[in-house]
PDB file of N, CA and C in Angstrom:
ATOM      1  N   MET A   1       7.670 -22.119  11.624  1.00  0.00           N
ATOM      2  CA  MET A   1       8.610 -21.106  11.840  1.00  0.00           C
ATOM      3  C   MET A   1       9.099 -20.030  10.895  1.00  0.00           C
ATOM      4  N   SER A   2       8.815 -18.759  10.550  1.00  0.00           N
ATOM      5  CA  SER A   2       8.934 -17.651   9.890  1.00  0.00           C
ATOM      6  C   SER A   2       9.842 -17.853   8.788  1.00  0.00           C
ATOM      7  N   PRO A   3       9.321 -17.390   7.275  1.00  0.00           N
ATOM      8  CA  PRO A   3      10.088 -17.559   5.763  1.00  0.00           C
ATOM      9  C   PRO A   3      11.285 -15.898   6.436  1.00  0.00           C
ATOM     10  N   VAL A   4      12.311 -17.133   5.734  1.00  0.00           N
ATOM     11  CA  VAL A   4      14.013 -15.599   6.342  1.00  0.00           C
ATOM     12  C   VAL A   4      13.879 -15.523   4.420  1.00  0.00           C
ATOM     13  N   PHE A   5      13.941 -14.305   4.058  1.00  0.00           N
ATOM     14  CA  PHE A   5      14.444 -13.580   2.920  1.00  0.00           C
ATOM     15  C   PHE A   5      15.603 -13.222   2.088  1.00  0.00           C
ATOM     16  N   ASN A   6      16.068 -13.358   1.548  1.00  0.00           N
ATOM     17  CA  ASN A   6      17.699 -12.573   1.103  1.00  0.00           C
ATOM     18  C   ASN A   6      17.385 -12.125   0.167  1.00  0.00           C
ATOM     19  N   MET A   7      18.118 -10.898  -0.386  1.00  0.00           N
ATOM     20  CA  MET A   7      18.827 -10.225  -1.481  1.00  0.00           C
ATOM     21  C   MET A   7      19.132  -8.561  -1.329  1.00  0.00           C
ATOM     22  N   GLN A   8      20.196  -8.646  -2.483  1.00  0.00           N
ATOM     23  CA  GLN A   8      21.172  -7.412  -1.562  1.00  0.00           C
ATOM     24  C   GLN A   8      20.493  -6.855  -3.198  1.00  0.00           C
ATOM     25  N   THR A   9      20.625  -5.210  -2.870  1.00  0.00           N
ATOM     26  CA  THR A   9      20.858  -3.280  -3.954  1.00  0.00           C
ATOM     27  C   THR A   9      21.491  -3.235  -3.703  1.00  0.00           C
ATOM     28  N   ILE A  10      22.959  -3.495  -5.108  1.00  0.00           N
ATOM     29  CA  ILE A  10      23.400  -2.358  -4.900  1.00  0.00           C
ATOM     30  C   ILE A  10      22.947  -1.056  -5.659  1.00  0.00           C
ATOM     31  N   SER A  11      23.671  -0.006  -5.550  1.00  0.00           N
ATOM     32  CA  SER A  11      23.789   1.331  -5.844  1.00  0.00           C
ATOM     33  C   SER A  11      24.859   1.695  -6.399  1.00  0.00           C
ATOM     34  N   SER A  12      24.971   2.979  -6.735  1.00  0.00           N
ATOM     35  CA  SER A  12      25.984   3.504  -7.222  1.00  0.00           C
ATOM     36  C   SER A  12      25.991   5.327  -6.508  1.00  0.00           C
ATOM     37  N   ASN A  13      26.891   5.145  -5.635  1.00  0.00           N
ATOM     38  CA  ASN A  13      26.929   7.226  -5.016  1.00  0.00           C
ATOM     39  C   ASN A  13      28.259   7.592  -5.788  1.00  0.00           C
ATOM     40  N   ASN A  14      28.468   8.549  -6.415  1.00  0.00           N
ATOM     41  CA  ASN A  14      29.975   9.119  -6.728  1.00  0.00           C
ATOM     42  C   ASN A  14      30.525   8.428  -6.839  1.00  0.00           C
ATOM     43  N   SER A  15      30.734   6.934  -7.621  1.00  0.00           N
ATOM     44  CA  SER A  15      31.318   6.049  -7.799  1.00  0.00           C
ATOM     45  C   SER A  15      31.585   5.507  -6.707  1.00  0.00           C
ATOM     46  N   ALA A  16      31.062   5.521  -5.297  1.00  0.00           N
ATOM     47  CA  ALA A  16      31.005   4.451  -4.318  1.00  0.00           C
ATOM     48  C   ALA A  16      30.134   3.672  -4.530  1.00  0.00           C
ATOM     49  N   SER A  17      30.437   2.699  -4.008  1.00  0.00           N
ATOM     50  CA  SER A  17      29.154   1.547  -3.861  1.00  0.00           C
ATOM     51  C   SER A  17      28.685   1.335  -2.590  1.00  0.00           C
ATOM     52  N   THR A  18      27.725   1.681  -2.302  1.00  0.00           N
ATOM     53  CA  THR A  18      26.489   1.133  -0.781  1.00  0.00           C
ATOM     54  C   THR A  18      25.513   0.229  -0.880  1.00  0.00           C
ATOM     55  N   LEU A  19      25.623  -0.463   0.138  1.00  0.00           N
ATOM     56  CA  LEU A  19      24.568  -1.146   0.148  1.00  0.00           C
ATOM     57  C   LEU A  19      23.683  -1.678   1.105  1.00  0.00           C
ATOM     58  N   ALA A  20      22.579  -1.418   0.863  1.00  0.00           N
ATOM     59  CA  ALA A  20      21.694  -2.149   1.245  1.00  0.00           C
ATOM     60  C   ALA A  20      20.417  -3.634   1.380  1.00  0.00           C
ATOM     61  N   SER A  21      20.088  -4.442   2.192  1.00  0.00           N
ATOM     62  CA  SER A  21      19.746  -5.283   2.104  1.00  0.00           C
ATOM     63  C   SER A  21      18.519  -5.838   2.603  1.00  0.00           C
ATOM     64  N   VAL A  22      17.364  -6.499   2.580  1.00  0.00           N
ATOM     65  CA  VAL A  22      16.278  -7.193   3.675  1.00  0.00           C
ATOM     66  C   VAL A  22      17.516  -8.425   3.669  1.00  0.00           C
ATOM     67  N   LEU A  23      17.637  -8.975   4.378  1.00  0.00           N
ATOM     68  CA  LEU A  23      18.202 -10.453   5.831  1.00  0.00           C
ATOM     69  C   LEU A  23      16.975 -10.539   6.380  1.00  0.00           C
ATOM     70  N   MET A  24      16.134 -10.188   6.900  1.00  0.00           N
ATOM     71  CA  MET A  24      14.324 -11.666   6.813  1.00  0.00           C
ATOM     72  C   MET A  24      13.315 -10.516   7.206  1.00  0.00           C
ATOM     73  N   ILE A  25      12.886 -11.541   6.247  1.00  0.00           N
ATOM     74  CA  ILE A  25      11.224 -10.926   7.096  1.00  0.00           C
ATOM     75  C   ILE A  25       9.842 -12.690   7.653  1.00  0.00           C
ATOM     76  N   ASN A  26      10.067 -11.523   9.311  1.00  0.00           N
ATOM     77  CA  ASN A  26       9.165 -12.279   9.569  1.00  0.00           C
ATOM     78  C   ASN A  26       7.537 -11.485  10.352  1.00  0.00           C
ATOM     79  N   ALA A  27       7.031 -12.321  11.244  1.00  0.00           N
ATOM     80  CA  ALA A  27       5.856 -11.413  11.746  1.00  0.00           C
ATOM     81  C   ALA A  27       6.086 -10.977  13.437  1.00  0.00           C
ATOM     82  N   GLN A  28       7.463 -10.554  13.115  1.00  0.00           N
ATOM     83  CA  GLN A  28       7.518  -9.129  13.891  1.00  0.00           C
ATOM     84  C   GLN A  28       8.213  -7.911  13.385  1.00  0.00           C
ATOM     85  N   GLY A  29       8.798  -7.763  12.011  1.00  0.00           N
ATOM     86  CA  GLY A  29       9.571  -7.290  11.402  1.00  0.00           C
ATOM     87  C   GLY A  29      10.469  -7.510  10.164  1.00  0.00           C
ATOM     88  N   ILE A  30      10.662  -6.613   9.542  1.00  0.00           N
ATOM     89  CA  ILE A  30      12.348  -6.806   8.987  1.00  0.00           C
ATOM     90  C   ILE A  30      13.583  -6.663   9.860  1.00  0.00           C
ATOM     91  N   MET A  31      14.364  -7.200   9.060  1.00  0.00           N
ATOM     92  CA  MET A  31      15.793  -6.848   9.377  1.00  0.00           C
ATOM     93  C   MET A  31      16.326  -6.931   8.189  1.00  0.00           C
ATOM     94  N   LEU A  32      17.254  -5.582   8.426  1.00  0.00           N
ATOM     95  CA  LEU A  32      18.219  -5.047   7.512  1.00  0.00           C
ATOM     96  C   LEU A  32      19.385  -4.901   7.787  1.00  0.00           C
ATOM     97  N   SER A  33      20.650  -5.121   6.664  1.00  0.00           N
ATOM     98  CA  SER A  33      21.282  -4.274   6.357  1.00  0.00           C
ATOM     99  C   SER A  33      21.936  -3.155   5.488  1.00  0.00           C
ATOM    100  N   VAL A  34      22.475  -2.209   6.313  1.00  0.00           N
ATOM    101  CA  VAL A  34      22.614  -0.982   5.664  1.00  0.00           C
ATOM    102  C   VAL A  34      23.885  -0.697   5.818  1.00  0.00           C
ATOM    103  N   LEU A  35      25.175  -0.566   4.671  1.00  0.00           N
ATOM    104  CA  LEU A  35      26.369   0.178   4.617  1.00  0.00           C
ATOM    105  C   LEU A  35      26.949  -0.915   6.108  1.00  0.00           C
ATOM    106  N   GLY A  36      26.691  -2.174   6.069  1.00  0.00           N
ATOM    107  CA  GLY A  36      27.515  -2.968   6.941  1.00  0.00           C
ATOM    108  C   GLY A  36      27.215  -3.069   8.333  1.00  0.00           C
ATOM    109  N   ARG A  37      26.169  -2.932   8.360  1.00  0.00           N
ATOM    110  CA  ARG A  37      25.346  -2.562   9.842  1.00  0.00           C
ATOM    111  C   ARG A  37      24.100  -3.520   9.845  1.00  0.00           C
ATOM    112  N   ASP A  38      23.488  -3.832  11.084  1.00  0.00           N
ATOM    113  CA  ASP A  38      22.423  -4.565  10.731  1.00  0.00           C
ATOM    114  C   ASP A  38      20.895  -3.894  11.753  1.00  0.00           C
ATOM    115  N   TYR A  39      20.303  -3.492  10.801  1.00  0.00           N
ATOM    116  CA  TYR A  39      18.764  -3.436  12.332  1.00  0.00           C
ATOM    117  C   TYR A  39      17.389  -3.714  12.198  1.00  0.00           C
ATOM    118  N   PHE A  40      17.207  -4.237  13.304  1.00  0.00           N
ATOM    119  CA  PHE A  40      15.329  -4.545  12.531  1.00  0.00           C
ATOM    120  C   PHE A  40      14.524  -3.544  12.813  1.00  0.00           C
ATOM    121  N   LEU A  41      13.599  -3.495  12.310  1.00  0.00           N
ATOM    122  CA  LEU A  41      12.992  -3.276  12.214  1.00  0.00           C
ATOM    123  C   LEU A  41      11.449  -3.835  12.652  1.00  0.00           C
ATOM    124  N   SER A  42      10.362  -2.674  13.708  1.00  0.00           N
ATOM    125  CA  SER A  42       9.314  -3.742  13.921  1.00  0.00           C
ATOM    126  C   SER A  42       8.194  -3.113  13.674  1.00  0.00           C
ATOM    127  N   TYR A  43       7.328  -4.041  13.509  1.00  0.00           N
ATOM    128  CA  TYR A  43       5.852  -3.416  12.403  1.00  0.00           C
ATOM    129  C   TYR A  43       5.886  -2.244  13.532  1.00  0.00           C
ATOM    130  N   ASN A  44       5.611  -2.184  14.928  1.00  0.00           N
ATOM    131  CA  ASN A  44       4.968  -1.072  16.070  1.00  0.00           C
ATOM    132  C   ASN A  44       5.649   0.042  14.940  1.00  0.00           C
ATOM    133  N   ARG A  45       7.009   0.373  14.539  1.00  0.00           N
ATOM    134  CA  ARG A  45       7.908   1.015  14.549  1.00  0.00           C
ATOM    135  C   ARG A  45       7.268   1.684  12.468  1.00  0.00           C
ATOM    136  N   ILE A  46       7.182   0.586  12.153  1.00  0.00           N
ATOM    137  CA  ILE A  46       6.899   1.210  10.472  1.00  0.00           C
ATOM    138  C   ILE A  46       6.016  -0.131  10.472  1.00  0.00           C
ATOM    139  N   PRO A  47       4.417   0.339  10.831  1.00  0.00           N
ATOM    140  CA  PRO A  47       3.246  -0.324  10.407  1.00  0.00           C
ATOM    141  C   PRO A  47       2.661  -0.670   8.666  1.00  0.00           C
ATOM    142  N   TRP A  48       2.773   0.945   7.814  1.00  0.00           N
ATOM    143  CA  TRP A  48       2.640   0.417   7.156  1.00  0.00           C
ATOM    144  C   TRP A  48       3.859  -0.435   6.323  1.00  0.00           C
ATOM    145  N   MET A  49       4.759  -1.432   6.735  1.00  0.00           N
ATOM    146  CA  MET A  49       5.097  -2.166   5.801  1.00  0.00           C
ATOM    147  C   MET A  49       4.667  -3.835   6.122  1.00  0.00           C
ATOM    148  N   GLN A  50       4.014  -3.911   7.105  1.00  0.00           N
ATOM    149  CA  GLN A  50       3.385  -4.751   7.776  1.00  0.00           C
ATOM    150  C   GLN A  50       2.669  -5.934   6.817  1.00  0.00           C
ATOM    151  N   ASP A  51       1.706  -5.038   5.702  1.00  0.00           N
ATOM    152  CA  ASP A  51       1.012  -6.090   4.674  1.00  0.00           C
ATOM    153  C   ASP A  51       1.705  -5.219   2.935  1.00  0.00           C
ATOM    154  N   ALA A  52       2.432  -5.167   3.317  1.00  0.00           N
ATOM    155  CA  ALA A  52       3.384  -5.060   1.349  1.00  0.00           C
ATOM    156  C   ALA A  52       3.722  -6.234   1.402  1.00  0.00           C
ATOM    157  N   PRO A  53       4.088  -6.009   0.064  1.00  0.00           N
ATOM    158  CA  PRO A  53       4.245  -7.113  -1.664  1.00  0.00           C
ATOM    159  C   PRO A  53       5.307  -7.582  -0.120  1.00  0.00           C
ATOM    160  N   ILE A  54       5.828  -8.877  -0.692  1.00  0.00           N
ATOM    161  CA  ILE A  54       7.237  -9.278  -0.329  1.00  0.00           C
ATOM    162  C   ILE A  54       7.787  -8.922  -1.396  1.00  0.00           C
ATOM    163  N   ARG A  55       7.266  -8.555  -2.644  1.00  0.00           N
ATOM    164  CA  ARG A  55       8.386  -7.998  -3.503  1.00  0.00           C
ATOM    165  C   ARG A  55       8.624  -6.264  -3.772  1.00  0.00           C
ATOM    166  N   SER A  56       7.730  -5.934  -2.936  1.00  0.00           N
ATOM    167  CA  SER A  56       7.843  -4.303  -3.310  1.00  0.00           C
ATOM    168  C   SER A  56       9.024  -4.200  -1.482  1.00  0.00           C
ATOM    169  N   VAL A  57       8.899  -4.697  -0.003  1.00  0.00           N
ATOM    170  CA  VAL A  57       9.764  -4.507   1.046  1.00  0.00           C
ATOM    171  C   VAL A  57      11.067  -5.377   0.559  1.00  0.00           C
ATOM    172  N   LEU A  58      11.683  -6.510  -0.128  1.00  0.00           N
ATOM    173  CA  LEU A  58      12.795  -6.961  -0.635  1.00  0.00           C
ATOM    174  C   LEU A  58      13.345  -5.713  -1.513  1.00  0.00           C
ATOM    175  N   ASN A  59      12.466  -4.833  -2.709  1.00  0.00           N
ATOM    176  CA  ASN A  59      12.877  -4.064  -3.383  1.00  0.00           C
ATOM    177  C   ASN A  59      13.714  -2.415  -2.320  1.00  0.00           C
ATOM    178  N   VAL A  60      14.643  -2.751  -2.176  1.00  0.00           N
ATOM    179  CA  VAL A  60      14.958  -1.409  -1.400  1.00  0.00           C
ATOM    180  C   VAL A  60      16.155  -0.855  -1.435  1.00  0.00           C
ATOM    181  N   GLN A  61      16.598   0.186  -1.509  1.00  0.00           N
ATOM    182  CA  GLN A  61      17.499   0.626  -2.152  1.00  0.00           C
ATOM    183  C   GLN A  61      18.718   2.086  -1.583  1.00  0.00           C
ATOM    184  N   MET A  62      19.619   1.730  -1.668  1.00  0.00           N
ATOM    185  CA  MET A  62      20.400   3.791  -1.165  1.00  0.00           C
ATOM    186  C   MET A  62      19.194   4.845  -1.769  1.00  0.00           C
ATOM    187  N   SER A  63      19.443   5.649  -0.973  1.00  0.00           N
ATOM    188  CA  SER A  63      19.075   7.037  -1.313  1.00  0.00           C
ATOM    189  C   SER A  63      19.618   8.387  -1.381  1.00  0.00           C
ATOM    190  N   GLY A  64      20.789   8.485  -1.811  1.00  0.00           N
ATOM    191  CA  GLY A  64      21.820   8.710  -1.134  1.00  0.00           C
ATOM    192  C   GLY A  64      22.911   8.258   0.168  1.00  0.00           C
ATOM    193  N   PRO A  65      23.654   9.473   0.009  1.00  0.00           N
ATOM    194  CA  PRO A  65      24.778   8.613   1.134  1.00  0.00           C
ATOM    195  C   PRO A  65      23.534   8.443   2.670  1.00  0.00           C
ATOM    196  N   ASP A  66      23.200   8.816   3.336  1.00  0.00           N
ATOM    197  CA  ASP A  66      22.402   9.207   3.931  1.00  0.00           C
ATOM    198  C   ASP A  66      21.162   8.525   3.994  1.00  0.00           C
ATOM    199  N   ALA A  67      20.258   7.914   3.380  1.00  0.00           N
ATOM    200  CA  ALA A  67      19.186   7.076   3.386  1.00  0.00           C
ATOM    201  C   ALA A  67      18.204   6.399   3.138  1.00  0.00           C
ATOM    202  N   ILE A  68      17.957   5.467   3.467  1.00  0.00           N
ATOM    203  CA  ILE A  68      17.465   3.987   2.434  1.00  0.00           C
ATOM    204  C   ILE A  68      16.136   4.035   1.680  1.00  0.00           C
ATOM    205  N   GLU A  69      15.708   3.584   0.697  1.00  0.00           N
ATOM    206  CA  GLU A  69      14.086   3.854  -0.013  1.00  0.00           C
ATOM    207  C   GLU A  69      13.980   2.780   0.147  1.00  0.00           C
ATOM    208  N   TRP A  70      11.925   2.425  -0.638  1.00  0.00           N
ATOM    209  CA  TRP A  70      11.460   1.681  -0.973  1.00  0.00           C
ATOM    210  C   TRP A  70      10.800   2.334  -1.463  1.00  0.00           C
ATOM    211  N   PRO A  71      10.998   2.372  -3.078  1.00  0.00           N
ATOM    212  CA  PRO A  71      10.462   2.770  -3.966  1.00  0.00           C
ATOM    213  C   PRO A  71       9.213   2.569  -4.631  1.00  0.00           C
ATOM    214  N   ASP A  72       8.804   1.400  -4.429  1.00  0.00           N
ATOM    215  CA  ASP A  72       8.243   0.897  -4.955  1.00  0.00           C
ATOM    216  C   ASP A  72       6.825   1.239  -3.300  1.00  0.00           C
ATOM    217  N   LEU A  73       7.241   1.346  -2.881  1.00  0.00           N
ATOM    218  CA  LEU A  73       5.726   1.529  -1.286  1.00  0.00           C
ATOM    219  C   LEU A  73       6.210   3.305  -0.875  1.00  0.00           C
ATOM    220  N   ASN A  74       7.128   3.746  -2.047  1.00  0.00           N
ATOM    221  CA  ASN A  74       7.079   5.595  -1.135  1.00  0.00           C
ATOM    222  C   ASN A  74       7.342   5.291   0.113  1.00  0.00           C
ATOM    223  N   VAL A  75       8.232   4.641  -0.041  1.00  0.00           N
ATOM    224  CA  VAL A  75       8.750   5.041   1.915  1.00  0.00           C
ATOM    225  C   VAL A  75      10.507   4.983   1.881  1.00  0.00           C
ATOM    226  N   ASP A  76      10.903   5.979   2.854  1.00  0.00           N
ATOM    227  CA  ASP A  76      12.515   6.199   2.913  1.00  0.00           C
ATOM    228  C   ASP A  76      12.175   6.494   4.332  1.00  0.00           C
ATOM    229  N   LEU A  77      13.805   6.643   4.805  1.00  0.00           N
ATOM    230  CA  LEU A  77      13.939   6.282   6.258  1.00  0.00           C
ATOM    231  C   LEU A  77      15.581   6.677   5.694  1.00  0.00           C
ATOM    232  N   GLU A  78      15.728   7.791   6.716  1.00  0.00           N
ATOM    233  CA  GLU A  78      17.323   8.182   7.247  1.00  0.00           C
ATOM    234  C   GLU A  78      17.828   7.688   7.981  1.00  0.00           C
ATOM    235  N   ILE A  79      18.872   6.783   7.673  1.00  0.00           N
ATOM    236  CA  ILE A  79      19.624   6.288   7.777  1.00  0.00           C
ATOM    237  C   ILE A  79      20.289   6.557   9.899  1.00  0.00           C
ATOM    238  N   GLU A  80      19.736   7.590  10.014  1.00  0.00           N
ATOM    239  CA  GLU A  80      20.433   7.490  11.834  1.00  0.00           C
ATOM    240  C   GLU A  80      19.533   7.462  12.404  1.00  0.00           C
ATOM    241  N   SER A  81      17.972   7.173  11.576  1.00  0.00           N
ATOM    242  CA  SER A  81      16.616   7.231  12.261  1.00  0.00           C
ATOM    243  C   SER A  81      16.689   5.330  12.479  1.00  0.00           C
ATOM    244  N   LEU A  82      17.264   4.802  11.789  1.00  0.00           N
ATOM    245  CA  LEU A  82      17.685   3.013  12.270  1.00  0.00           C
ATOM    246  C   LEU A  82      18.993   3.324  13.053  1.00  0.00           C
ATOM    247  N   GLN A  83      19.596   4.077  13.135  1.00  0.00           N
ATOM    248  CA  GLN A  83      20.738   3.792  14.740  1.00  0.00           C
ATOM    249  C   GLN A  83      19.822   4.397  15.894  1.00  0.00           C
ATOM    250  N   HIS A  84      19.087   5.120  15.758  1.00  0.00           N
ATOM    251  CA  HIS A  84      18.546   5.924  16.681  1.00  0.00           C
ATOM    252  C   HIS A  84      17.214   6.577  16.948  1.00  0.00           C
ATOM    253  N   PRO A  85      16.454   5.770  16.875  1.00  0.00           N
ATOM    254  CA  PRO A  85      14.932   5.625  16.708  1.00  0.00           C
ATOM    255  C   PRO A  85      14.209   6.534  17.805  1.00  0.00           C
ATOM    256  N   GLU A  86      15.331   6.354  18.386  1.00  0.00           N
ATOM    257  CA  GLU A  86      14.976   6.929  20.207  1.00  0.00           C
ATOM    258  C   GLU A  86      14.137   8.640  19.735  1.00  0.00           C
ATOM    259  N   ARG A  87      15.457   8.984  18.562  1.00  0.00           N
ATOM    260  CA  ARG A  87      15.330  10.282  18.065  1.00  0.00           C
ATOM    261  C   ARG A  87      14.134  10.870  17.475  1.00  0.00           C
ATOM    262  N   PHE A  88      13.473   9.763  16.486  1.00  0.00           N
ATOM    263  CA  PHE A  88      12.039   9.869  15.303  1.00  0.00           C
ATOM    264  C   PHE A  88      11.515   9.143  15.672  1.00  0.00           C
ATOM    265  N   PRO A  89      10.455   9.513  16.871  1.00  0.00           N
ATOM    266  CA  PRO A  89       8.833   9.106  17.242  1.00  0.00           C
ATOM    267  C   PRO A  89       8.559   8.860  16.042  1.00  0.00           C
ATOM    268  N   LEU A  90       7.252   7.703  15.941  1.00  0.00           N
ATOM    269  CA  LEU A  90       6.287   7.737  14.750  1.00  0.00           C
ATOM    270  C   LEU A  90       5.515   8.752  14.714  1.00  0.00           C
ATOM    271  N   VAL A  91       5.226   9.499  14.072  1.00  0.00           N
ATOM    272  CA  VAL A  91       4.110  10.591  14.298  1.00  0.00           C
ATOM    273  C   VAL A  91       3.186  10.135  12.615  1.00  0.00           C
ATOM    274  N   ILE A  92       2.032  10.629  13.143  1.00  0.00           N
ATOM    275  CA  ILE A  92       1.070   9.817  11.577  1.00  0.00           C
ATOM    276  C   ILE A  92       1.051  11.752  11.548  1.00  0.00           C
ATOM    277  N   LYS A  93       0.728  12.327  10.263  1.00  0.00           N
ATOM    278  CA  LYS A  93       0.666  13.352  10.159  1.00  0.00           C
ATOM    279  C   LYS A  93      -0.508  13.600   9.370  1.00  0.00           C
ATOM    280  N   ARG A  94      -1.433  14.367   9.385  1.00  0.00           N
ATOM    281  CA  ARG A  94      -3.165  14.179   8.943  1.00  0.00           C
ATOM    282  C   ARG A  94      -2.731  15.405   8.472  1.00  0.00           C
ATOM    283  N   ASN A  95      -4.136  15.392   7.044  1.00  0.00           N
ATOM    284  CA  ASN A  95      -4.388  16.661   6.474  1.00  0.00           C
ATOM    285  C   ASN A  95      -5.704  17.033   6.627  1.00  0.00           C
ATOM    286  N   ALA A  96      -6.377  18.186   6.064  1.00  0.00           N
ATOM    287  CA  ALA A  96      -7.404  18.314   6.156  1.00  0.00           C
ATOM    288  C   ALA A  96      -8.160  17.660   4.731  1.00  0.00           C
ATOM    289  N   LEU A  97      -7.724  17.038   3.796  1.00  0.00           N
ATOM    290  CA  LEU A  97      -8.310  16.108   3.506  1.00  0.00           C
ATOM    291  C   LEU A  97      -9.417  14.728   4.206  1.00  0.00           C
ATOM    292  N   ASP A  98      -8.211  14.193   5.354  1.00  0.00           N
ATOM    293  CA  ASP A  98      -8.080  13.034   6.207  1.00  0.00           C
ATOM    294  C   ASP A  98      -9.718  13.202   6.790  1.00  0.00           C
ATOM    295  N   PHE A  99     -10.494  14.739   7.281  1.00  0.00           N
ATOM    296  CA  PHE A  99     -11.293  14.488   7.574  1.00  0.00           C
ATOM    297  C   PHE A  99     -12.615  15.266   7.186  1.00  0.00           C
ATOM    298  N   VAL A 100     -12.373  15.486   5.455  1.00  0.00           N
ATOM    299  CA  VAL A 100     -13.640  15.411   4.203  1.00  0.00           C
ATOM    300  C   VAL A 100     -14.353  14.269   4.845  1.00  0.00           C
ATOM    301  N   SER A 101     -16.005  14.466   5.019  1.00  0.00           N
ATOM    302  CA  SER A 101     -17.463  13.404   4.219  1.00  0.00           C
ATOM    303  C   SER A 101     -17.960  13.173   3.397  1.00  0.00           C
ATOM    304  N   SER A 102     -18.044  12.045   2.637  1.00  0.00           N
ATOM    305  CA  SER A 102     -18.726  12.270   1.705  1.00  0.00           C
ATOM    306  C   SER A 102     -20.366  12.013   1.660  1.00  0.00           C
TER     307      SER A 102
END
C-alpha cells in the first residue's frame, strides 16, 4: 500500500485566502488540491519531483493568483497547466553548458 500524506499551506494574496495542498503521494505521482479543485500530477509529466524529498514536495504554496510553487525545489506551475496539460507539453530546455565536456 502506498503512503498517504496530507498537508495544507495557506497564503494570503490581496487579503483573499488561497489554498494549495498535497493530498497524496504515491509511486505514480502527486495528488494536489488547488483552489478547491483536485489534480493528479504523474511523474511522467513531472519527473524531477519523483526523487524529491517528501518534506519538499509537501511544501507547496500559491505563487500569485495563477500559479503554485515548491520553493524548496525551485519548481513552479501555472494553474492552467494543471487544468489543460495538453496545452503544456513537457519540454526539456538545454543550454550550451550541458554540452561542455570536462
